[in-house]
PDB file of all heavy atoms in Angstrom:
ATOM      1  N   ARG A   1     -32.252  63.142 -34.723  1.00  0.00           N
ATOM      2  CA  ARG A   1     -33.027  62.938 -35.963  1.00  0.00           C
ATOM      3  C   ARG A   1     -33.210  61.451 -36.250  1.00  0.00           C
ATOM      4  O   ARG A   1     -34.286  61.017 -36.631  1.00  0.00           O
ATOM      5  CB  ARG A   1     -32.356  63.617 -37.147  1.00  0.00           C
ATOM      6  CG  ARG A   1     -32.510  65.120 -37.158  1.00  0.00           C
ATOM      7  CD  ARG A   1     -31.803  65.718 -38.349  1.00  0.00           C
ATOM      8  NE  ARG A   1     -32.468  65.366 -39.593  1.00  0.00           N
ATOM      9  CZ  ARG A   1     -33.029  66.243 -40.421  1.00  0.00           C
ATOM     10  NH1 ARG A   1     -33.005  67.529 -40.143  1.00  0.00           N
ATOM     11  NH2 ARG A   1     -33.588  65.844 -41.535  1.00  0.00           N
ATOM     12  N   GLN A   2     -32.141  60.684 -36.056  1.00  0.00           N
ATOM     13  CA  GLN A   2     -32.231  59.243 -36.317  1.00  0.00           C
ATOM     14  C   GLN A   2     -33.176  58.576 -35.325  1.00  0.00           C
ATOM     15  O   GLN A   2     -33.948  57.686 -35.698  1.00  0.00           O
ATOM     16  CB  GLN A   2     -30.852  58.580 -36.257  1.00  0.00           C
ATOM     17  CG  GLN A   2     -30.849  57.164 -36.786  1.00  0.00           C
ATOM     18  CD  GLN A   2     -31.297  57.094 -38.246  1.00  0.00           C
ATOM     19  OE1 GLN A   2     -30.781  57.808 -39.108  1.00  0.00           O
ATOM     20  NE2 GLN A   2     -32.260  56.226 -38.532  1.00  0.00           N
ATOM     21  N   ALA A   3     -33.155  59.000 -34.075  1.00  0.00           N
ATOM     22  CA  ALA A   3     -34.068  58.438 -33.071  1.00  0.00           C
ATOM     23  C   ALA A   3     -35.517  58.742 -33.444  1.00  0.00           C
ATOM     24  O   ALA A   3     -36.402  57.899 -33.247  1.00  0.00           O
ATOM     25  CB  ALA A   3     -33.734  58.974 -31.682  1.00  0.00           C
ATOM     26  N   VAL A   4     -35.765  59.931 -34.001  1.00  0.00           N
ATOM     27  CA  VAL A   4     -37.120  60.256 -34.474  1.00  0.00           C
ATOM     28  C   VAL A   4     -37.485  59.321 -35.619  1.00  0.00           C
ATOM     29  O   VAL A   4     -38.559  58.711 -35.617  1.00  0.00           O
ATOM     30  CB  VAL A   4     -37.227  61.738 -34.925  1.00  0.00           C
ATOM     31  CG1 VAL A   4     -38.542  61.988 -35.659  1.00  0.00           C
ATOM     32  CG2 VAL A   4     -37.083  62.673 -33.743  1.00  0.00           C
ATOM     33  N   ARG A   5     -36.604  59.190 -36.599  1.00  0.00           N
ATOM     34  CA  ARG A   5     -36.879  58.320 -37.753  1.00  0.00           C
ATOM     35  C   ARG A   5     -37.163  56.885 -37.310  1.00  0.00           C
ATOM     36  O   ARG A   5     -38.055  56.228 -37.839  1.00  0.00           O
ATOM     37  CB  ARG A   5     -35.685  58.303 -38.704  1.00  0.00           C
ATOM     38  CG  ARG A   5     -35.514  59.525 -39.526  1.00  0.00           C
ATOM     39  CD  ARG A   5     -34.368  59.306 -40.539  1.00  0.00           C
ATOM     40  NE  ARG A   5     -33.785  60.565 -40.862  1.00  0.00           N
ATOM     41  CZ  ARG A   5     -32.610  61.023 -40.404  1.00  0.00           C
ATOM     42  NH1 ARG A   5     -31.869  60.296 -39.596  1.00  0.00           N
ATOM     43  NH2 ARG A   5     -32.173  62.212 -40.758  1.00  0.00           N
ATOM     44  N   ASP A   6     -36.364  56.404 -36.344  1.00  0.00           N
ATOM     45  CA  ASP A   6     -36.474  55.017 -35.877  1.00  0.00           C
ATOM     46  C   ASP A   6     -37.594  54.814 -34.868  1.00  0.00           C
ATOM     47  O   ASP A   6     -37.871  53.670 -34.500  1.00  0.00           O
ATOM     48  CB  ASP A   6     -35.163  54.572 -35.225  1.00  0.00           C
ATOM     49  CG  ASP A   6     -34.007  54.499 -36.194  1.00  0.00           C
ATOM     50  OD1 ASP A   6     -34.234  54.474 -37.431  1.00  0.00           O
ATOM     51  OD2 ASP A   6     -32.849  54.478 -35.712  1.00  0.00           O
ATOM     52  N   ARG A   7     -38.163  55.937 -34.392  1.00  0.00           N
ATOM     53  CA  ARG A   7     -39.152  55.887 -33.311  1.00  0.00           C
ATOM     54  C   ARG A   7     -38.542  55.111 -32.139  1.00  0.00           C
ATOM     55  O   ARG A   7     -39.138  54.238 -31.539  1.00  0.00           O
ATOM     56  CB  ARG A   7     -40.470  55.255 -33.743  1.00  0.00           C
ATOM     57  CG  ARG A   7     -41.166  55.926 -34.925  1.00  0.00           C
ATOM     58  CD  ARG A   7     -41.327  57.442 -34.778  1.00  0.00           C
ATOM     59  NE  ARG A   7     -42.324  57.975 -35.683  1.00  0.00           N
ATOM     60  CZ  ARG A   7     -42.055  58.537 -36.869  1.00  0.00           C
ATOM     61  NH1 ARG A   7     -40.806  58.650 -37.297  1.00  0.00           N
ATOM     62  NH2 ARG A   7     -43.035  59.004 -37.621  1.00  0.00           N
ATOM     63  N   ASP A   8     -37.304  55.485 -31.838  1.00  0.00           N
ATOM     64  CA  ASP A   8     -36.556  54.906 -30.719  1.00  0.00           C
ATOM     65  C   ASP A   8     -36.967  55.663 -29.457  1.00  0.00           C
ATOM     66  O   ASP A   8     -36.342  56.651 -29.074  1.00  0.00           O
ATOM     67  CB  ASP A   8     -35.051  55.035 -30.979  1.00  0.00           C
ATOM     68  CG  ASP A   8     -34.201  54.492 -29.851  1.00  0.00           C
ATOM     69  OD1 ASP A   8     -34.754  54.016 -28.841  1.00  0.00           O
ATOM     70  OD2 ASP A   8     -32.960  54.575 -29.984  1.00  0.00           O
ATOM     71  N   TRP A   9     -38.039  55.212 -28.831  1.00  0.00           N
ATOM     72  CA  TRP A   9     -38.662  55.955 -27.732  1.00  0.00           C
ATOM     73  C   TRP A   9     -37.718  56.166 -26.570  1.00  0.00           C
ATOM     74  O   TRP A   9     -37.607  57.277 -26.042  1.00  0.00           O
ATOM     75  CB  TRP A   9     -39.954  55.257 -27.305  1.00  0.00           C
ATOM     76  CG  TRP A   9     -40.862  55.011 -28.457  1.00  0.00           C
ATOM     77  CD1 TRP A   9     -41.197  53.798 -28.988  1.00  0.00           C
ATOM     78  CD2 TRP A   9     -41.511  55.999 -29.277  1.00  0.00           C
ATOM     79  NE1 TRP A   9     -42.028  53.972 -30.073  1.00  0.00           N
ATOM     80  CE2 TRP A   9     -42.240  55.315 -30.274  1.00  0.00           C
ATOM     81  CE3 TRP A   9     -41.555  57.390 -29.255  1.00  0.00           C
ATOM     82  CZ2 TRP A   9     -43.001  55.966 -31.230  1.00  0.00           C
ATOM     83  CZ3 TRP A   9     -42.313  58.046 -30.217  1.00  0.00           C
ATOM     84  CH2 TRP A   9     -43.021  57.343 -31.191  1.00  0.00           C
ATOM     85  N   ASN A  10     -37.010  55.133 -26.150  1.00  0.00           N
ATOM     86  CA  ASN A  10     -36.051  55.297 -25.049  1.00  0.00           C
ATOM     87  C   ASN A  10     -34.850  56.130 -25.484  1.00  0.00           C
ATOM     88  O   ASN A  10     -34.316  56.920 -24.705  1.00  0.00           O
ATOM     89  CB  ASN A  10     -35.608  53.939 -24.510  1.00  0.00           C
ATOM     90  CG  ASN A  10     -36.718  53.238 -23.763  1.00  0.00           C
ATOM     91  OD1 ASN A  10     -37.475  53.859 -23.022  1.00  0.00           O
ATOM     92  ND2 ASN A  10     -36.842  51.939 -23.970  1.00  0.00           N
ATOM     93  N   GLY A  11     -34.440  55.961 -26.726  1.00  0.00           N
ATOM     94  CA  GLY A  11     -33.338  56.763 -27.254  1.00  0.00           C
ATOM     95  C   GLY A  11     -33.669  58.245 -27.265  1.00  0.00           C
ATOM     96  O   GLY A  11     -32.818  59.087 -26.977  1.00  0.00           O
ATOM     97  N   LEU A  12     -34.914  58.577 -27.588  1.00  0.00           N
ATOM     98  CA  LEU A  12     -35.339  59.981 -27.573  1.00  0.00           C
ATOM     99  C   LEU A  12     -35.171  60.581 -26.182  1.00  0.00           C
ATOM    100  O   LEU A  12     -34.704  61.713 -26.035  1.00  0.00           O
ATOM    101  CB  LEU A  12     -36.790  60.114 -28.044  1.00  0.00           C
ATOM    102  CG  LEU A  12     -37.026  59.860 -29.527  1.00  0.00           C
ATOM    103  CD1 LEU A  12     -38.501  59.705 -29.819  1.00  0.00           C
ATOM    104  CD2 LEU A  12     -36.408  60.971 -30.368  1.00  0.00           C
ATOM    105  N   LEU A  13     -35.525  59.820 -25.149  1.00  0.00           N
ATOM    106  CA  LEU A  13     -35.363  60.324 -23.776  1.00  0.00           C
ATOM    107  C   LEU A  13     -33.888  60.471 -23.420  1.00  0.00           C
ATOM    108  O   LEU A  13     -33.491  61.450 -22.797  1.00  0.00           O
ATOM    109  CB  LEU A  13     -36.063  59.400 -22.779  1.00  0.00           C
ATOM    110  CG  LEU A  13     -37.558  59.216 -22.942  1.00  0.00           C
ATOM    111  CD1 LEU A  13     -38.117  58.421 -21.773  1.00  0.00           C
ATOM    112  CD2 LEU A  13     -38.284  60.532 -23.099  1.00  0.00           C
ATOM    113  N   ALA A  14     -33.074  59.498 -23.815  1.00  0.00           N
ATOM    114  CA  ALA A  14     -31.641  59.559 -23.522  1.00  0.00           C
ATOM    115  C   ALA A  14     -30.978  60.748 -24.214  1.00  0.00           C
ATOM    116  O   ALA A  14     -29.956  61.258 -23.738  1.00  0.00           O
ATOM    117  CB  ALA A  14     -30.963  58.253 -23.948  1.00  0.00           C
ATOM    118  N   LEU A  15     -31.568  61.211 -25.311  1.00  0.00           N
ATOM    119  CA  LEU A  15     -31.013  62.326 -26.077  1.00  0.00           C
ATOM    120  C   LEU A  15     -31.651  63.669 -25.711  1.00  0.00           C
ATOM    121  O   LEU A  15     -31.527  64.639 -26.444  1.00  0.00           O
ATOM    122  CB  LEU A  15     -31.180  62.057 -27.575  1.00  0.00           C
ATOM    123  CG  LEU A  15     -30.371  60.870 -28.105  1.00  0.00           C
ATOM    124  CD1 LEU A  15     -30.841  60.479 -29.498  1.00  0.00           C
ATOM    125  CD2 LEU A  15     -28.883  61.203 -28.092  1.00  0.00           C
ATOM    126  N   GLY A  16     -32.328  63.698 -24.569  1.00  0.00           N
ATOM    127  CA  GLY A  16     -32.868  64.965 -24.080  1.00  0.00           C
ATOM    128  C   GLY A  16     -34.355  65.156 -24.276  1.00  0.00           C
ATOM    129  O   GLY A  16     -34.892  66.216 -23.953  1.00  0.00           O
ATOM    130  N   GLY A  17     -35.028  64.161 -24.793  1.00  0.00           N
ATOM    131  CA  GLY A  17     -36.465  64.277 -24.992  1.00  0.00           C
ATOM    132  C   GLY A  17     -37.223  64.212 -23.675  1.00  0.00           C
ATOM    133  O   GLY A  17     -36.839  63.496 -22.757  1.00  0.00           O
ATOM    134  N   ASN A  18     -38.287  64.969 -23.602  1.00  0.00           N
ATOM    135  CA  ASN A  18     -39.194  64.936 -22.460  1.00  0.00           C
ATOM    136  C   ASN A  18     -40.330  63.984 -22.818  1.00  0.00           C
ATOM    137  O   ASN A  18     -40.913  64.088 -23.897  1.00  0.00           O
ATOM    138  CB  ASN A  18     -39.728  66.350 -22.194  1.00  0.00           C
ATOM    139  CG  ASN A  18     -40.717  66.404 -21.064  1.00  0.00           C
ATOM    140  OD1 ASN A  18     -41.783  65.802 -21.127  1.00  0.00           O
ATOM    141  ND2 ASN A  18     -40.369  67.144 -20.034  1.00  0.00           N
ATOM    142  N   ILE A  19     -40.661  63.073 -21.928  1.00  0.00           N
ATOM    143  CA  ILE A  19     -41.660  62.048 -22.235  1.00  0.00           C
ATOM    144  C   ILE A  19     -42.989  62.660 -22.662  1.00  0.00           C
ATOM    145  O   ILE A  19     -43.666  62.141 -23.542  1.00  0.00           O
ATOM    146  CB  ILE A  19     -41.842  61.057 -21.061  1.00  0.00           C
ATOM    147  CG1 ILE A  19     -42.804  59.916 -21.439  1.00  0.00           C
ATOM    148  CG2 ILE A  19     -42.352  61.778 -19.809  1.00  0.00           C
ATOM    149  CD1 ILE A  19     -42.357  59.059 -22.569  1.00  0.00           C
ATOM    150  N   TYR A  20     -43.373  63.762 -22.059  1.00  0.00           N
ATOM    151  CA  TYR A  20     -44.655  64.365 -22.413  1.00  0.00           C
ATOM    152  C   TYR A  20     -44.627  64.983 -23.805  1.00  0.00           C
ATOM    153  O   TYR A  20     -45.660  65.046 -24.474  1.00  0.00           O
ATOM    154  CB  TYR A  20     -45.082  65.373 -21.352  1.00  0.00           C
ATOM    155  CG  TYR A  20     -45.278  64.685 -20.033  1.00  0.00           C
ATOM    156  CD1 TYR A  20     -44.366  64.827 -19.000  1.00  0.00           C
ATOM    157  CD2 TYR A  20     -46.351  63.817 -19.837  1.00  0.00           C
ATOM    158  CE1 TYR A  20     -44.532  64.152 -17.802  1.00  0.00           C
ATOM    159  CE2 TYR A  20     -46.529  63.137 -18.646  1.00  0.00           C
ATOM    160  CZ  TYR A  20     -45.615  63.307 -17.631  1.00  0.00           C
ATOM    161  OH  TYR A  20     -45.773  62.626 -16.458  1.00  0.00           O
ATOM    162  N   TYR A  21     -43.467  65.420 -24.245  1.00  0.00           N
ATOM    163  CA  TYR A  21     -43.345  65.955 -25.598  1.00  0.00           C
ATOM    164  C   TYR A  21     -43.185  64.823 -26.612  1.00  0.00           C
ATOM    165  O   TYR A  21     -43.818  64.832 -27.667  1.00  0.00           O
ATOM    166  CB  TYR A  21     -42.179  66.921 -25.710  1.00  0.00           C
ATOM    167  CG  TYR A  21     -42.355  68.220 -24.953  1.00  0.00           C
ATOM    168  CD1 TYR A  21     -41.325  69.144 -24.887  1.00  0.00           C
ATOM    169  CD2 TYR A  21     -43.538  68.534 -24.299  1.00  0.00           C
ATOM    170  CE1 TYR A  21     -41.476  70.347 -24.209  1.00  0.00           C
ATOM    171  CE2 TYR A  21     -43.693  69.728 -23.612  1.00  0.00           C
ATOM    172  CZ  TYR A  21     -42.663  70.624 -23.573  1.00  0.00           C
ATOM    173  OH  TYR A  21     -42.814  71.806 -22.892  1.00  0.00           O
ATOM    174  N   THR A  22     -42.324  63.842 -26.288  1.00  0.00           N
ATOM    175  CA  THR A  22     -42.114  62.754 -27.237  1.00  0.00           C
ATOM    176  C   THR A  22     -43.384  61.926 -27.423  1.00  0.00           C
ATOM    177  O   THR A  22     -43.576  61.316 -28.474  1.00  0.00           O
ATOM    178  CB  THR A  22     -40.938  61.848 -26.821  1.00  0.00           C
ATOM    179  OG1 THR A  22     -41.168  61.336 -25.516  1.00  0.00           O
ATOM    180  CG2 THR A  22     -39.623  62.605 -26.856  1.00  0.00           C
ATOM    181  N   SER A  23     -44.262  61.954 -26.425  1.00  0.00           N
ATOM    182  CA  SER A  23     -45.531  61.226 -26.576  1.00  0.00           C
ATOM    183  C   SER A  23     -46.393  61.839 -27.676  1.00  0.00           C
ATOM    184  O   SER A  23     -47.280  61.165 -28.212  1.00  0.00           O
ATOM    185  CB  SER A  23     -46.293  61.178 -25.252  1.00  0.00           C
ATOM    186  OG  SER A  23     -46.773  62.451 -24.884  1.00  0.00           O
ATOM    187  N   LYS A  24     -46.143  63.094 -28.052  1.00  0.00           N
ATOM    188  CA  LYS A  24     -46.863  63.706 -29.181  1.00  0.00           C
ATOM    189  C   LYS A  24     -46.501  63.000 -30.483  1.00  0.00           C
ATOM    190  O   LYS A  24     -47.344  62.823 -31.359  1.00  0.00           O
ATOM    191  CB  LYS A  24     -46.544  65.198 -29.308  1.00  0.00           C
ATOM    192  CG  LYS A  24     -46.867  66.034 -28.098  1.00  0.00           C
ATOM    193  CD  LYS A  24     -48.332  66.098 -27.831  1.00  0.00           C
ATOM    194  CE  LYS A  24     -48.615  67.038 -26.679  1.00  0.00           C
ATOM    195  NZ  LYS A  24     -49.864  66.734 -26.009  1.00  0.00           N
ATOM    196  N   LEU A  25     -45.236  62.608 -30.611  1.00  0.00           N
ATOM    197  CA  LEU A  25     -44.809  61.850 -31.787  1.00  0.00           C
ATOM    198  C   LEU A  25     -45.484  60.476 -31.782  1.00  0.00           C
ATOM    199  O   LEU A  25     -45.975  60.016 -32.816  1.00  0.00           O
ATOM    200  CB  LEU A  25     -43.282  61.705 -31.817  1.00  0.00           C
ATOM    201  CG  LEU A  25     -42.683  60.861 -32.933  1.00  0.00           C
ATOM    202  CD1 LEU A  25     -43.037  61.407 -34.306  1.00  0.00           C
ATOM    203  CD2 LEU A  25     -41.166  60.767 -32.749  1.00  0.00           C
ATOM    204  N   ALA A  26     -45.529  59.842 -30.623  1.00  0.00           N
ATOM    205  CA  ALA A  26     -46.194  58.546 -30.522  1.00  0.00           C
ATOM    206  C   ALA A  26     -47.678  58.677 -30.876  1.00  0.00           C
ATOM    207  O   ALA A  26     -48.220  57.855 -31.620  1.00  0.00           O
ATOM    208  CB  ALA A  26     -46.029  57.971 -29.115  1.00  0.00           C
ATOM    209  N   ALA A  27     -48.327  59.705 -30.346  1.00  0.00           N
ATOM    210  CA  ALA A  27     -49.750  59.916 -30.632  1.00  0.00           C
ATOM    211  C   ALA A  27     -49.971  60.117 -32.128  1.00  0.00           C
ATOM    212  O   ALA A  27     -50.955  59.631 -32.691  1.00  0.00           O
ATOM    213  CB  ALA A  27     -50.284  61.099 -29.840  1.00  0.00           C
ATOM    214  N   ASN A  28     -49.052  60.816 -32.777  1.00  0.00           N
ATOM    215  CA  ASN A  28     -49.135  60.998 -34.227  1.00  0.00           C
ATOM    216  C   ASN A  28     -49.133  59.647 -34.935  1.00  0.00           C
ATOM    217  O   ASN A  28     -49.767  59.487 -35.973  1.00  0.00           O
ATOM    218  CB  ASN A  28     -47.972  61.858 -34.722  1.00  0.00           C
ATOM    219  CG  ASN A  28     -48.019  62.068 -36.207  1.00  0.00           C
ATOM    220  OD1 ASN A  28     -48.910  62.724 -36.731  1.00  0.00           O
ATOM    221  ND2 ASN A  28     -47.053  61.496 -36.923  1.00  0.00           N
TER     222      ASN A  28
END
């Protein structure tokens, strides 16, 4: 949740995020 709030892109991946899914947050 904190990585989402911070838009910590690399942190999201380290916490199990898939780049193609996390890119939806970036696109937003």
